[in-house]
Amino acid sequence: MADATTESGSAAAPMPLGLPPVVRADGSPARALVVDDEQALAAAVGGSLVADGWEVRIEHRGRSALIAVREFQPDVVVLDIMMPDIDGLDTLERIRAIRPEIRVLFLTALDSHDDRIAGLRAGGDDYLTKPFAIAELQARVRVLARSAVAIARPAESRLRVGDLAVDTGESTAELAGSPLELTPTEFELLLLLANNAGRVLRRAQILEAVWGYDFGTESNLVEVYVSSLRRKLAASTALNLETVRLVGYVMRVADGAGSGSGGGA
């Protein structure tokens, strides 16, 4: 494992185990930044990702992770929460200021319901608790790297639903002309709901479309993200994000508000 990764540097990717490697548009290996103050664990996580075809850099402090985000330009960050200099939640906030589109998986021993909600509300795209299975970690990181390609985007670059305008090309959204501040995962969920306005989406459908697979009945990912979107859409006079009990969620448009799409901004 030590041969596969360096303590604070890049690691060349060997042949992946079973699945084709995740690659960038230019064909180079996708990059993962692993941030954990437990050096042995960080090396194990980094080594498992290298074995799965990733180019990996490992850091053990929040401050050095911020430098790595600029220098290494990772596609995914695997981030611990309890670190000695800057905790993971604060580190994520600073990462988002540098690279708002980056995908982040919290990997932490904090396993309470409140801890999970705090991590997701802070902008984490996924949350995995220690101890964990290496295969599950690899699968979740792969899902994040796919950038939610499972979501069918409309051919037009701009989707309008009520007073919501979604620019699929720029991955931005406006509500009544005002920009919405959204994490990458929030944007993908908003796009999915808007693209299916008036249609009830089952929870399992949402998990599959946004996160790539069903995390099981114990996961509250969907509930947390829907709650966050509700807060951000609260000023809308035309949209209502409804819970359909025991089924899923639906974005409703007020009568007369209309929806549609257009070819430009």
Protein backbone atom coordinates (compact mmCIF):
# COMPACT_ATOMS: atom_id res chain seq x y z
CA MET A 1 0.00 0.00 0.00
CA ALA A 2 2.83 2.37 0.84
CA ASP A 3 4.33 1.81 -2.63
CA ALA A 4 1.09 2.88 -4.29
CA THR A 5 0.72 6.29 -2.67
CA THR A 6 2.93 8.97 -1.23
CA GLU A 7 2.19 10.76 2.02
CA SER A 8 1.59 14.14 0.39
CA GLY A 9 1.90 13.67 -3.32
CA SER A 10 0.45 12.12 -6.42
CA ALA A 11 0.34 8.38 -7.01
CA ALA A 12 0.54 6.69 -10.35
CA ALA A 13 -2.44 4.46 -11.07
CA PRO A 14 -1.83 0.71 -11.58
CA MET A 15 -4.28 -1.56 -13.37
CA PRO A 16 -7.76 -1.25 -11.76
CA LEU A 17 -9.49 -4.17 -10.10
CA GLY A 18 -12.32 -5.51 -12.24
CA LEU A 19 -13.88 -2.26 -13.53
CA PRO A 20 -12.55 0.13 -16.16
CA PRO A 21 -10.85 3.18 -14.63
CA VAL A 22 -12.69 6.45 -14.22
CA VAL A 23 -11.10 8.90 -16.63
CA ARG A 24 -11.28 12.59 -17.43
CA ALA A 25 -12.37 13.98 -20.77
CA ASP A 26 -8.75 13.95 -21.96
CA GLY A 27 -8.39 10.26 -21.10
CA SER A 28 -6.21 10.77 -18.02
CA PRO A 29 -7.11 9.07 -14.73
CA ALA A 30 -9.61 10.87 -12.52
CA ARG A 31 -8.06 12.43 -9.41
CA ALA A 32 -9.03 11.84 -5.79
CA LEU A 33 -7.79 13.82 -2.81
CA VAL A 34 -7.87 11.89 0.48
CA VAL A 35 -7.79 14.01 3.65
CA ASP A 36 -7.53 12.26 7.02
CA ASP A 37 -5.25 12.83 10.01
CA GLU A 38 -5.07 9.06 10.62
CA GLN A 39 -2.09 8.34 8.40
CA ALA A 40 -2.51 4.57 8.20
CA LEU A 41 -6.17 4.90 7.31
CA ALA A 42 -5.46 7.60 4.74
CA ALA A 43 -2.85 5.37 3.12
CA ALA A 44 -5.30 2.45 3.03
CA VAL A 45 -8.04 4.58 1.46
CA GLY A 46 -5.61 6.10 -1.02
CA GLY A 47 -4.21 2.70 -1.92
CA SER A 48 -7.67 1.27 -2.52
CA LEU A 49 -8.48 4.12 -4.91
CA VAL A 50 -5.16 3.76 -6.72
CA ALA A 51 -5.97 0.07 -7.17
CA ASP A 52 -9.28 1.15 -8.70
CA GLY A 53 -7.54 3.30 -11.29
CA TRP A 54 -7.46 6.71 -9.63
CA GLU A 55 -4.61 9.18 -9.38
CA VAL A 56 -4.46 9.95 -5.67
CA ARG A 57 -3.00 12.58 -3.39
CA ILE A 58 -3.09 12.25 0.40
CA GLU A 59 -3.12 15.05 2.95
CA HIS A 60 -3.47 14.93 6.75
CA ARG A 61 -4.57 18.47 7.60
CA GLY A 62 -7.31 20.79 6.42
CA ARG A 63 -4.89 23.59 5.52
CA SER A 64 -2.71 21.36 3.37
CA ALA A 65 -5.86 19.99 1.73
CA LEU A 66 -6.79 23.50 0.58
CA ILE A 67 -3.37 23.86 -1.04
CA ALA A 68 -3.83 20.46 -2.68
CA VAL A 69 -7.23 21.45 -4.09
CA ARG A 70 -5.49 24.29 -5.97
CA GLU A 71 -2.38 22.35 -7.01
CA PHE A 72 -3.74 18.85 -7.66
CA GLN A 73 -7.16 19.86 -9.05
CA PRO A 74 -8.99 16.73 -7.79
CA ASP A 75 -12.31 15.55 -9.16
CA VAL A 76 -13.40 14.05 -5.82
CA VAL A 77 -12.34 14.71 -2.21
CA VAL A 78 -12.63 12.06 0.51
CA LEU A 79 -12.70 14.15 3.68
CA ASP A 80 -12.53 13.35 7.39
CA ILE A 81 -14.38 15.65 9.78
CA MET A 82 -12.37 15.42 13.02
CA MET A 83 -8.98 16.94 12.17
CA PRO A 84 -6.61 18.87 14.45
CA ASP A 85 -6.26 22.18 12.57
CA ILE A 86 -9.45 22.83 10.57
CA ASP A 87 -12.36 20.43 10.93
CA GLY A 88 -13.86 18.83 7.85
CA LEU A 89 -16.99 21.01 7.80
CA ASP A 90 -14.94 24.20 7.77
CA THR A 91 -12.52 22.68 5.25
CA LEU A 92 -15.43 21.88 2.94
CA GLU A 93 -16.72 25.46 3.15
CA ARG A 94 -13.28 26.70 2.08
CA ILE A 95 -13.01 24.08 -0.67
CA ARG A 96 -16.35 25.23 -2.08
CA ALA A 97 -14.98 28.80 -2.22
CA ILE A 98 -12.09 27.53 -4.36
CA ARG A 99 -13.87 24.87 -6.43
CA PRO A 100 -17.66 25.01 -5.97
CA GLU A 101 -18.25 22.14 -8.41
CA ILE A 102 -16.04 19.59 -6.67
CA ARG A 103 -17.63 16.40 -5.30
CA VAL A 104 -16.97 15.62 -1.62
CA LEU A 105 -17.48 12.42 0.36
CA PHE A 106 -17.28 12.69 4.15
CA LEU A 107 -15.53 9.65 5.64
CA THR A 108 -15.78 9.90 9.41
CA ALA A 109 -16.32 8.12 12.71
CA LEU A 110 -19.17 10.55 13.53
CA ASP A 111 -22.12 8.27 12.94
CA SER A 112 -25.15 9.81 14.66
CA HIS A 113 -28.22 10.94 12.75
CA ASP A 114 -27.46 14.57 13.60
CA ASP A 115 -23.84 14.22 12.43
CA ARG A 116 -24.97 12.88 9.05
CA ILE A 117 -27.46 15.69 8.59
CA ALA A 118 -24.83 18.29 9.57
CA GLY A 119 -22.40 16.89 7.02
CA LEU A 120 -24.92 16.84 4.21
CA ARG A 121 -26.30 20.26 5.05
CA ALA A 122 -22.76 21.62 5.06
CA GLY A 123 -22.60 20.66 1.39
CA GLY A 124 -21.21 17.14 1.44
CA ASP A 125 -22.35 15.06 -1.53
CA ASP A 126 -22.20 11.79 0.40
CA TYR A 127 -21.45 10.55 3.93
CA LEU A 128 -19.82 7.25 4.86
CA THR A 129 -19.05 6.24 8.43
CA LYS A 130 -16.09 4.31 9.83
CA PRO A 131 -15.66 1.36 9.92
CA PHE A 132 -16.52 0.83 6.27
CA ALA A 133 -16.09 -1.68 3.48
CA ILE A 134 -13.43 -0.77 0.91
CA ALA A 135 -15.68 -1.95 -1.92
CA GLU A 136 -18.45 0.41 -0.79
CA LEU A 137 -16.02 3.33 -0.58
CA GLN A 138 -14.76 2.61 -4.09
CA ALA A 139 -18.33 2.39 -5.40
CA ARG A 140 -19.44 5.64 -3.77
CA VAL A 141 -16.41 7.56 -5.03
CA ARG A 142 -17.06 6.23 -8.54
CA VAL A 143 -20.67 7.41 -8.33
CA LEU A 144 -19.56 10.93 -7.35
CA ALA A 145 -17.08 11.01 -10.23
CA ARG A 146 -19.82 10.26 -12.72
CA SER A 147 -21.25 13.73 -12.05
CA ALA A 148 -24.78 12.35 -12.06
CA VAL A 149 -24.74 11.41 -15.74
CA ALA A 150 -27.78 9.20 -15.07
CA ILE A 151 -29.97 12.31 -15.10
CA ALA A 152 -31.45 12.91 -18.54
CA ARG A 153 -30.87 16.57 -19.40
CA PRO A 154 -33.24 18.28 -21.80
CA ALA A 155 -31.84 19.12 -25.24
CA GLU A 156 -32.43 22.85 -24.65
CA SER A 157 -29.91 24.64 -22.48
CA ARG A 158 -32.50 26.40 -20.33
CA LEU A 159 -35.43 24.81 -18.54
CA ARG A 160 -38.21 26.96 -17.06
CA VAL A 161 -40.63 25.72 -14.43
CA GLY A 162 -42.83 28.36 -12.85
CA ASP A 163 -40.49 31.11 -11.64
CA LEU A 164 -37.50 28.76 -11.71
CA ALA A 165 -34.97 28.88 -14.57
CA VAL A 166 -32.36 26.12 -14.81
CA ASP A 167 -29.38 26.47 -17.14
CA THR A 168 -28.24 22.91 -17.84
CA GLY A 169 -25.18 24.01 -19.76
CA GLU A 170 -23.80 26.22 -16.99
CA SER A 171 -25.24 24.13 -14.12
CA THR A 172 -26.83 27.23 -12.59
CA ALA A 173 -30.34 28.14 -11.52
CA GLU A 174 -32.32 31.30 -10.83
CA LEU A 175 -35.51 31.84 -8.86
CA ALA A 176 -37.55 34.84 -9.99
CA GLY A 177 -34.40 36.23 -11.59
CA SER A 178 -32.18 35.82 -8.52
CA PRO A 179 -29.32 33.27 -8.59
CA LEU A 180 -29.66 30.22 -6.35
CA GLU A 181 -26.58 29.09 -4.46
CA LEU A 182 -26.53 25.32 -4.93
CA THR A 183 -24.03 22.56 -4.31
CA PRO A 184 -23.43 20.22 -7.28
CA THR A 185 -25.71 17.58 -5.78
CA GLU A 186 -28.42 20.11 -4.96
CA PHE A 187 -28.32 21.26 -8.58
CA GLU A 188 -28.68 17.71 -9.91
CA LEU A 189 -31.63 17.03 -7.61
CA LEU A 190 -33.28 20.32 -8.56
CA LEU A 191 -32.81 19.52 -12.25
CA LEU A 192 -34.30 16.06 -11.81
CA LEU A 193 -37.38 17.43 -10.03
CA ALA A 194 -37.82 20.33 -12.45
CA ASN A 195 -37.40 18.08 -15.48
CA ASN A 196 -40.19 15.90 -14.03
CA ALA A 197 -42.43 18.67 -12.68
CA GLY A 198 -45.89 17.32 -11.84
CA ARG A 199 -44.65 13.73 -11.75
CA VAL A 200 -44.16 11.89 -8.47
CA LEU A 201 -40.64 10.47 -8.23
CA ARG A 202 -40.09 7.53 -5.94
CA ARG A 203 -37.31 7.83 -3.40
CA ALA A 204 -35.45 4.93 -5.01
CA GLN A 205 -35.68 6.65 -8.40
CA ILE A 206 -34.13 9.79 -6.97
CA LEU A 207 -31.31 7.88 -5.29
CA GLU A 208 -30.53 6.04 -8.50
CA ALA A 209 -30.65 9.17 -10.67
CA VAL A 210 -28.68 11.54 -8.44
CA TRP A 211 -26.37 9.24 -6.47
CA GLY A 212 -26.16 6.29 -8.86
CA TYR A 213 -27.60 3.54 -6.68
CA ASP A 214 -30.01 2.91 -3.83
CA PHE A 215 -28.24 3.34 -0.47
CA GLY A 216 -30.99 1.45 1.33
CA THR A 217 -33.79 2.37 3.66
CA GLU A 218 -31.47 3.64 6.43
CA SER A 219 -30.09 6.47 4.31
CA ASN A 220 -31.70 9.88 4.70
CA LEU A 221 -29.79 11.51 1.83
CA VAL A 222 -32.93 12.33 -0.14
CA GLU A 223 -34.77 13.78 2.85
CA VAL A 224 -31.85 16.04 3.78
CA TYR A 225 -31.38 17.37 0.26
CA VAL A 226 -35.10 17.90 -0.35
CA SER A 227 -35.26 19.84 2.92
CA SER A 228 -32.35 22.00 1.77
CA LEU A 229 -34.00 22.68 -1.60
CA ARG A 230 -37.26 23.60 0.12
CA ARG A 231 -35.45 26.27 2.10
CA LYS A 232 -33.82 27.66 -1.02
CA LEU A 233 -37.09 27.65 -2.97
CA ALA A 234 -39.13 29.13 -0.12
CA ALA A 235 -39.40 32.52 -1.84
CA SER A 236 -41.11 31.00 -4.88
CA THR A 237 -44.72 31.99 -5.51
CA ALA A 238 -45.16 29.38 -8.25
CA LEU A 239 -43.49 26.18 -7.00
CA ASN A 240 -44.19 23.72 -4.24
CA LEU A 241 -41.95 20.77 -3.44
CA GLU A 242 -44.35 18.20 -1.98
CA THR A 243 -43.80 14.98 -0.06
CA VAL A 244 -46.00 12.12 -1.20
CA ARG A 245 -46.17 9.99 1.94
CA LEU A 246 -44.56 6.55 1.64
CA VAL A 247 -43.83 7.19 -2.06
CA GLY A 248 -41.51 10.08 -2.82
CA TYR A 249 -41.51 13.72 -3.93
CA VAL A 250 -42.99 15.92 -6.64
CA MET A 251 -42.42 19.49 -7.80
CA ARG A 252 -45.82 21.14 -8.34
CA VAL A 253 -46.36 24.29 -10.39
CA ALA A 254 -49.14 26.71 -9.41
CA ASP A 255 -52.00 27.01 -11.90
CA GLY A 256 -51.18 29.55 -14.56
CA ALA A 257 -47.46 29.70 -13.69
CA GLY A 258 -46.52 27.56 -16.67
CA SER A 259 -43.32 25.76 -17.57
CA GLY A 260 -41.22 25.17 -20.62
CA SER A 261 -37.75 25.45 -22.07
CA GLY A 262 -35.85 27.74 -24.32
CA GLY A 263 -32.73 27.62 -26.37
CA GLY A 264 -30.83 30.47 -24.74
CA ALA A 265 -30.24 32.39 -21.58
